[in-house]
Amino acid sequence: MSRVVLMCGPAGSGKSTVARRLESEGMVRLSFDQEAWRRGIQTMPLPADVREDIEQELRARLAYRDLLRPLGVVPETIYLATPRAVALERMDARSHEHADDYALPNDVAAEYFDHFQPPTADEGPLTVLGASALH
């Protein structure tokens, strides 16, 4: 059976850690950060035109939820519900050495966290993982 997982959470919530775990189990990973790094872009946030270009490329590699349902694949969402202090501490500790390690200024990381809108169960199957799930 095919499985599609949509990962969400603010910067520093642990998405890359969980995604790498799923990738090690054989899943294919599509990531804005990975794609930006591959293109030689090492600063975030991305300019709007670059973000749009990367989004179009990633969407071309992924069928949308509504297209998957008739195929018997119901995408699930994994939401990393990490406390604000933990996410911001992780962001502050980043060393900017690889695509899963983008650094953001503290104020930008805080703004990302504060404006993140968590998914709800009415959007489809939802698994909520707390910070302790990453250990």
N, C-alpha and C. Protein backbone atom coordinates (compact mmCIF):
# COMPACT_ATOMS: atom_id res chain seq x y z
N MET A 1 0.83 -1.17 0.00
CA MET A 1 0.00 0.00 0.00
C MET A 1 0.88 1.25 0.00
N SER A 2 0.54 2.21 -0.82
CA SER A 2 1.28 3.46 -0.87
C SER A 2 0.94 4.32 0.33
N ARG A 3 1.90 5.10 0.75
CA ARG A 3 1.71 5.98 1.90
C ARG A 3 2.27 7.35 1.55
N VAL A 4 1.48 8.38 1.82
CA VAL A 4 1.92 9.76 1.63
C VAL A 4 1.74 10.47 2.96
N VAL A 5 2.80 11.11 3.42
CA VAL A 5 2.78 11.84 4.67
C VAL A 5 3.12 13.28 4.38
N LEU A 6 2.28 14.18 4.89
CA LEU A 6 2.55 15.60 4.81
C LEU A 6 3.01 16.04 6.19
N MET A 7 4.21 16.60 6.27
CA MET A 7 4.80 16.97 7.55
C MET A 7 4.62 18.47 7.75
N CYS A 8 4.18 18.87 8.94
CA CYS A 8 4.07 20.30 9.19
C CYS A 8 4.42 20.64 10.62
N GLY A 9 4.85 21.86 10.79
CA GLY A 9 5.22 22.40 12.08
C GLY A 9 6.10 23.61 11.83
N PRO A 10 6.20 24.49 12.79
CA PRO A 10 7.04 25.67 12.60
C PRO A 10 8.53 25.31 12.56
N ALA A 11 9.35 26.23 12.14
CA ALA A 11 10.80 26.03 12.11
C ALA A 11 11.28 25.59 13.49
N GLY A 12 12.11 24.55 13.52
CA GLY A 12 12.65 24.05 14.78
C GLY A 12 11.78 23.03 15.48
N SER A 13 10.67 22.64 14.86
CA SER A 13 9.75 21.72 15.54
C SER A 13 10.19 20.26 15.45
N GLY A 14 11.08 19.93 14.53
CA GLY A 14 11.55 18.55 14.41
C GLY A 14 11.13 17.84 13.14
N LYS A 15 10.61 18.59 12.17
CA LYS A 15 10.14 17.98 10.91
C LYS A 15 11.24 17.19 10.22
N SER A 16 12.42 17.76 10.12
CA SER A 16 13.51 17.08 9.41
C SER A 16 13.91 15.79 10.10
N THR A 17 13.90 15.79 11.42
CA THR A 17 14.26 14.59 12.17
C THR A 17 13.28 13.46 11.86
N VAL A 18 11.99 13.76 11.92
CA VAL A 18 10.98 12.75 11.62
C VAL A 18 11.04 12.36 10.15
N ALA A 19 11.22 13.33 9.26
CA ALA A 19 11.29 13.04 7.83
C ALA A 19 12.47 12.13 7.50
N ARG A 20 13.62 12.37 8.12
CA ARG A 20 14.79 11.50 7.89
C ARG A 20 14.49 10.08 8.37
N ARG A 21 13.77 9.95 9.48
CA ARG A 21 13.39 8.64 9.99
C ARG A 21 12.50 7.91 8.97
N LEU A 22 11.51 8.62 8.43
CA LEU A 22 10.62 8.03 7.42
C LEU A 22 11.39 7.71 6.14
N GLU A 23 12.32 8.57 5.78
CA GLU A 23 13.14 8.34 4.59
C GLU A 23 13.98 7.08 4.76
N SER A 24 14.49 6.84 5.96
CA SER A 24 15.30 5.65 6.21
C SER A 24 14.46 4.37 6.11
N GLU A 25 13.12 4.54 6.20
CA GLU A 25 12.20 3.41 6.06
C GLU A 25 11.75 3.22 4.62
N GLY A 26 12.33 4.02 3.70
CA GLY A 26 12.04 3.83 2.29
C GLY A 26 11.16 4.88 1.65
N MET A 27 10.74 5.87 2.39
CA MET A 27 9.89 6.90 1.81
C MET A 27 10.74 7.91 1.04
N VAL A 28 10.13 8.60 0.09
CA VAL A 28 10.80 9.65 -0.66
C VAL A 28 10.48 10.96 0.02
N ARG A 29 11.48 11.79 0.17
CA ARG A 29 11.31 13.06 0.89
C ARG A 29 11.34 14.23 -0.08
N LEU A 30 10.33 15.08 -0.01
CA LEU A 30 10.30 16.32 -0.77
C LEU A 30 10.39 17.46 0.23
N SER A 31 11.37 18.34 0.07
CA SER A 31 11.62 19.36 1.07
C SER A 31 12.04 20.68 0.42
N PHE A 32 11.37 21.76 0.83
CA PHE A 32 11.77 23.09 0.36
C PHE A 32 13.24 23.34 0.72
N ASP A 33 13.60 23.03 1.95
CA ASP A 33 14.96 23.30 2.41
C ASP A 33 15.99 22.52 1.60
N GLN A 34 15.72 21.23 1.37
CA GLN A 34 16.64 20.41 0.59
C GLN A 34 16.79 20.96 -0.83
N GLU A 35 15.68 21.33 -1.44
CA GLU A 35 15.71 21.84 -2.81
C GLU A 35 16.43 23.18 -2.88
N ALA A 36 16.18 24.06 -1.92
CA ALA A 36 16.87 25.35 -1.91
C ALA A 36 18.38 25.14 -1.75
N TRP A 37 18.78 24.26 -0.85
CA TRP A 37 20.20 23.99 -0.62
C TRP A 37 20.84 23.41 -1.88
N ARG A 38 20.12 22.49 -2.54
CA ARG A 38 20.63 21.90 -3.78
C ARG A 38 20.89 22.98 -4.83
N ARG A 39 20.09 24.03 -4.82
CA ARG A 39 20.23 25.14 -5.76
C ARG A 39 21.30 26.14 -5.33
N GLY A 40 21.93 25.89 -4.20
CA GLY A 40 22.97 26.79 -3.72
C GLY A 40 22.46 27.95 -2.89
N ILE A 41 21.20 27.90 -2.50
CA ILE A 41 20.60 28.96 -1.68
C ILE A 41 20.77 28.58 -0.22
N GLN A 42 21.49 29.41 0.52
CA GLN A 42 21.78 29.06 1.90
C GLN A 42 21.26 30.07 2.90
N THR A 43 20.31 30.90 2.49
CA THR A 43 19.70 31.83 3.43
C THR A 43 18.17 31.70 3.35
N MET A 44 17.55 31.87 4.48
CA MET A 44 16.10 31.85 4.58
C MET A 44 15.67 33.15 5.23
N PRO A 45 14.50 33.63 5.01
CA PRO A 45 13.46 33.06 4.17
C PRO A 45 13.76 33.23 2.69
N LEU A 46 13.15 32.37 1.89
CA LEU A 46 13.34 32.40 0.45
C LEU A 46 12.62 33.60 -0.17
N PRO A 47 13.22 34.20 -1.20
CA PRO A 47 12.48 35.22 -1.94
C PRO A 47 11.23 34.60 -2.55
N ALA A 48 10.17 35.38 -2.69
CA ALA A 48 8.88 34.87 -3.16
C ALA A 48 8.99 34.13 -4.49
N ASP A 49 9.77 34.65 -5.44
CA ASP A 49 9.86 34.01 -6.75
C ASP A 49 10.57 32.66 -6.66
N VAL A 50 11.58 32.57 -5.82
CA VAL A 50 12.30 31.31 -5.65
C VAL A 50 11.41 30.29 -4.94
N ARG A 51 10.71 30.74 -3.91
CA ARG A 51 9.80 29.85 -3.19
C ARG A 51 8.74 29.30 -4.13
N GLU A 52 8.19 30.16 -4.99
CA GLU A 52 7.17 29.73 -5.94
C GLU A 52 7.74 28.71 -6.93
N ASP A 53 8.95 28.96 -7.41
CA ASP A 53 9.58 28.04 -8.35
C ASP A 53 9.82 26.67 -7.71
N ILE A 54 10.32 26.67 -6.48
CA ILE A 54 10.55 25.41 -5.77
C ILE A 54 9.22 24.71 -5.51
N GLU A 55 8.21 25.46 -5.11
CA GLU A 55 6.90 24.86 -4.85
C GLU A 55 6.36 24.19 -6.11
N GLN A 56 6.48 24.84 -7.25
CA GLN A 56 6.00 24.26 -8.50
C GLN A 56 6.74 22.97 -8.83
N GLU A 57 8.05 22.97 -8.62
CA GLU A 57 8.83 21.77 -8.88
C GLU A 57 8.43 20.62 -7.96
N LEU A 58 8.25 20.91 -6.68
CA LEU A 58 7.87 19.86 -5.74
C LEU A 58 6.46 19.35 -6.01
N ARG A 59 5.55 20.25 -6.36
CA ARG A 59 4.18 19.83 -6.67
C ARG A 59 4.16 18.94 -7.91
N ALA A 60 5.06 19.18 -8.84
CA ALA A 60 5.12 18.34 -10.04
C ALA A 60 5.55 16.92 -9.69
N ARG A 61 6.23 16.77 -8.54
CA ARG A 61 6.68 15.45 -8.11
C ARG A 61 5.72 14.78 -7.14
N LEU A 62 4.64 15.44 -6.80
CA LEU A 62 3.69 14.91 -5.83
C LEU A 62 2.27 15.11 -6.32
N ALA A 63 1.50 14.04 -6.36
CA ALA A 63 0.08 14.16 -6.72
C ALA A 63 -0.66 14.76 -5.53
N TYR A 64 -1.67 15.56 -5.79
CA TYR A 64 -2.43 16.20 -4.72
C TYR A 64 -3.31 15.20 -4.00
N ARG A 65 -3.73 15.57 -2.81
CA ARG A 65 -4.58 14.71 -1.98
C ARG A 65 -5.79 14.19 -2.75
N ASP A 66 -6.52 15.05 -3.42
CA ASP A 66 -7.74 14.64 -4.12
C ASP A 66 -7.45 13.66 -5.25
N LEU A 67 -6.27 13.72 -5.84
CA LEU A 67 -5.92 12.78 -6.90
C LEU A 67 -5.52 11.43 -6.32
N LEU A 68 -5.09 11.42 -5.08
CA LEU A 68 -4.64 10.17 -4.46
C LEU A 68 -5.78 9.32 -3.93
N ARG A 69 -6.83 9.94 -3.45
CA ARG A 69 -7.94 9.20 -2.84
C ARG A 69 -8.52 8.12 -3.77
N PRO A 70 -8.81 8.44 -5.06
CA PRO A 70 -9.35 7.39 -5.94
C PRO A 70 -8.39 6.22 -6.13
N LEU A 71 -7.11 6.44 -5.84
CA LEU A 71 -6.11 5.38 -5.96
C LEU A 71 -5.98 4.58 -4.66
N GLY A 72 -6.81 4.92 -3.69
CA GLY A 72 -6.76 4.20 -2.42
C GLY A 72 -5.71 4.73 -1.46
N VAL A 73 -5.14 5.89 -1.76
CA VAL A 73 -4.11 6.48 -0.90
C VAL A 73 -4.71 7.69 -0.21
N VAL A 74 -4.78 7.65 1.10
CA VAL A 74 -5.28 8.78 1.87
C VAL A 74 -4.08 9.40 2.58
N PRO A 75 -3.64 10.55 2.10
CA PRO A 75 -2.48 11.19 2.74
C PRO A 75 -2.76 11.52 4.19
N GLU A 76 -1.76 11.33 4.99
CA GLU A 76 -1.88 11.65 6.40
C GLU A 76 -0.97 12.84 6.71
N THR A 77 -1.36 13.60 7.69
CA THR A 77 -0.55 14.74 8.12
C THR A 77 0.06 14.42 9.46
N ILE A 78 1.35 14.68 9.58
CA ILE A 78 2.03 14.58 10.86
C ILE A 78 2.37 16.00 11.27
N TYR A 79 1.84 16.41 12.40
CA TYR A 79 2.08 17.76 12.92
C TYR A 79 2.99 17.66 14.13
N LEU A 80 4.09 18.37 14.11
CA LEU A 80 5.03 18.40 15.21
C LEU A 80 4.63 19.53 16.15
N ALA A 81 3.96 19.20 17.23
CA ALA A 81 3.47 20.18 18.20
C ALA A 81 4.55 20.41 19.26
N THR A 82 5.55 21.14 18.87
CA THR A 82 6.70 21.41 19.73
C THR A 82 6.49 22.73 20.47
N PRO A 83 6.78 22.77 21.76
CA PRO A 83 6.63 24.03 22.49
C PRO A 83 7.50 25.14 21.89
N ARG A 84 7.00 26.35 21.96
CA ARG A 84 7.68 27.51 21.38
C ARG A 84 9.13 27.62 21.86
N ALA A 85 9.35 27.50 23.15
CA ALA A 85 10.70 27.65 23.71
C ALA A 85 11.65 26.60 23.15
N VAL A 86 11.17 25.38 22.98
CA VAL A 86 12.00 24.30 22.43
C VAL A 86 12.34 24.58 20.98
N ALA A 87 11.35 24.95 20.18
CA ALA A 87 11.59 25.22 18.76
C ALA A 87 12.57 26.38 18.60
N LEU A 88 12.39 27.44 19.37
CA LEU A 88 13.28 28.60 19.25
C LEU A 88 14.69 28.28 19.73
N GLU A 89 14.79 27.44 20.75
CA GLU A 89 16.11 27.02 21.24
C GLU A 89 16.83 26.20 20.15
N ARG A 90 16.10 25.31 19.50
CA ARG A 90 16.69 24.52 18.41
C ARG A 90 17.15 25.41 17.27
N MET A 91 16.32 26.40 16.92
CA MET A 91 16.70 27.31 15.84
C MET A 91 17.95 28.09 16.20
N ASP A 92 18.05 28.52 17.45
CA ASP A 92 19.21 29.29 17.90
C ASP A 92 20.48 28.46 17.88
N ALA A 93 20.34 27.14 18.05
CA ALA A 93 21.50 26.24 18.10
C ALA A 93 21.98 25.80 16.71
N ARG A 94 21.24 26.13 15.68
CA ARG A 94 21.62 25.67 14.34
C ARG A 94 22.94 26.30 13.90
N SER A 95 23.71 25.50 13.17
CA SER A 95 25.03 25.95 12.73
C SER A 95 25.12 26.21 11.23
N HIS A 96 24.02 26.01 10.51
CA HIS A 96 23.95 26.34 9.08
C HIS A 96 24.96 25.52 8.26
N GLU A 97 25.02 24.22 8.53
CA GLU A 97 26.00 23.37 7.86
C GLU A 97 25.42 22.51 6.75
N HIS A 98 24.10 22.34 6.70
CA HIS A 98 23.47 21.50 5.69
C HIS A 98 22.03 21.93 5.51
N ALA A 99 21.33 21.28 4.59
CA ALA A 99 19.99 21.71 4.21
C ALA A 99 18.95 21.55 5.32
N ASP A 100 19.22 20.75 6.33
CA ASP A 100 18.27 20.61 7.43
C ASP A 100 18.68 21.51 8.60
N ASP A 101 19.58 22.43 8.34
CA ASP A 101 20.18 23.22 9.41
C ASP A 101 20.15 24.72 9.10
N TYR A 102 19.17 25.15 8.31
CA TYR A 102 19.06 26.57 8.00
C TYR A 102 18.93 27.37 9.27
N ALA A 103 19.68 28.43 9.35
CA ALA A 103 19.58 29.33 10.50
C ALA A 103 18.66 30.49 10.16
N LEU A 104 17.92 30.95 11.13
CA LEU A 104 17.06 32.11 10.99
C LEU A 104 17.37 33.08 12.13
N PRO A 105 17.29 34.36 11.87
CA PRO A 105 17.41 35.30 13.00
C PRO A 105 16.32 34.99 14.03
N ASN A 106 16.62 35.23 15.29
CA ASN A 106 15.68 34.89 16.36
C ASN A 106 14.31 35.51 16.15
N ASP A 107 14.26 36.75 15.70
CA ASP A 107 12.96 37.40 15.52
C ASP A 107 12.16 36.76 14.39
N VAL A 108 12.84 36.31 13.34
CA VAL A 108 12.15 35.65 12.23
C VAL A 108 11.65 34.28 12.67
N ALA A 109 12.48 33.53 13.39
CA ALA A 109 12.05 32.22 13.89
C ALA A 109 10.84 32.37 14.81
N ALA A 110 10.85 33.38 15.66
CA ALA A 110 9.72 33.62 16.56
C ALA A 110 8.48 34.00 15.77
N GLU A 111 8.65 34.82 14.74
CA GLU A 111 7.51 35.22 13.91
C GLU A 111 6.93 34.01 13.18
N TYR A 112 7.79 33.14 12.64
CA TYR A 112 7.33 31.91 11.99
C TYR A 112 6.49 31.09 12.97
N PHE A 113 7.01 30.91 14.18
CA PHE A 113 6.31 30.10 15.17
C PHE A 113 4.96 30.73 15.51
N ASP A 114 4.98 32.01 15.78
CA ASP A 114 3.77 32.70 16.23
C ASP A 114 2.67 32.77 15.17
N HIS A 115 3.05 32.66 13.91
CA HIS A 115 2.06 32.75 12.83
C HIS A 115 1.71 31.39 12.21
N PHE A 116 2.30 30.33 12.74
CA PHE A 116 2.01 29.00 12.23
C PHE A 116 0.59 28.60 12.63
N GLN A 117 -0.15 28.06 11.67
CA GLN A 117 -1.52 27.60 11.95
C GLN A 117 -1.54 26.08 11.93
N PRO A 118 -1.71 25.45 13.10
CA PRO A 118 -1.72 23.99 13.18
C PRO A 118 -2.86 23.41 12.35
N PRO A 119 -2.64 22.23 11.78
CA PRO A 119 -3.70 21.56 11.02
C PRO A 119 -4.78 21.04 11.97
N THR A 120 -5.92 20.74 11.41
CA THR A 120 -7.01 20.17 12.20
C THR A 120 -7.41 18.83 11.59
N ALA A 121 -8.08 18.01 12.38
CA ALA A 121 -8.49 16.68 11.93
C ALA A 121 -9.46 16.73 10.76
N ASP A 122 -10.17 17.84 10.58
CA ASP A 122 -11.11 17.92 9.46
C ASP A 122 -10.39 18.03 8.12
N GLU A 123 -9.07 18.20 8.14
CA GLU A 123 -8.28 18.25 6.91
C GLU A 123 -7.87 16.85 6.45
N GLY A 124 -8.16 15.85 7.23
CA GLY A 124 -7.79 14.49 6.89
C GLY A 124 -7.10 13.83 8.06
N PRO A 125 -6.65 12.59 7.89
CA PRO A 125 -5.98 11.90 8.99
C PRO A 125 -4.82 12.73 9.55
N LEU A 126 -4.80 12.87 10.86
CA LEU A 126 -3.82 13.73 11.52
C LEU A 126 -3.19 13.01 12.70
N THR A 127 -1.86 13.02 12.73
CA THR A 127 -1.11 12.52 13.87
C THR A 127 -0.36 13.70 14.46
N VAL A 128 -0.50 13.92 15.75
CA VAL A 128 0.18 15.01 16.43
C VAL A 128 1.29 14.40 17.27
N LEU A 129 2.52 14.85 17.03
CA LEU A 129 3.67 14.38 17.80
C LEU A 129 4.20 15.52 18.64
N GLY A 130 4.46 15.25 19.90
CA GLY A 130 5.09 16.24 20.77
C GLY A 130 6.59 16.17 20.66
N ALA A 131 7.27 17.08 21.28
CA ALA A 131 8.74 17.15 21.23
C ALA A 131 9.40 15.87 21.73
N SER A 132 8.77 15.20 22.68
CA SER A 132 9.35 13.98 23.23
C SER A 132 9.38 12.83 22.22
N ALA A 133 8.58 12.91 21.17
CA ALA A 133 8.53 11.85 20.16
C ALA A 133 9.78 11.83 19.31
N LEU A 134 10.61 12.85 19.39
CA LEU A 134 11.80 12.92 18.54
C LEU A 134 12.99 12.23 19.16
N HIS A 135 12.88 11.80 20.38
CA HIS A 135 14.04 11.18 21.05
C HIS A 135 14.02 9.69 20.94
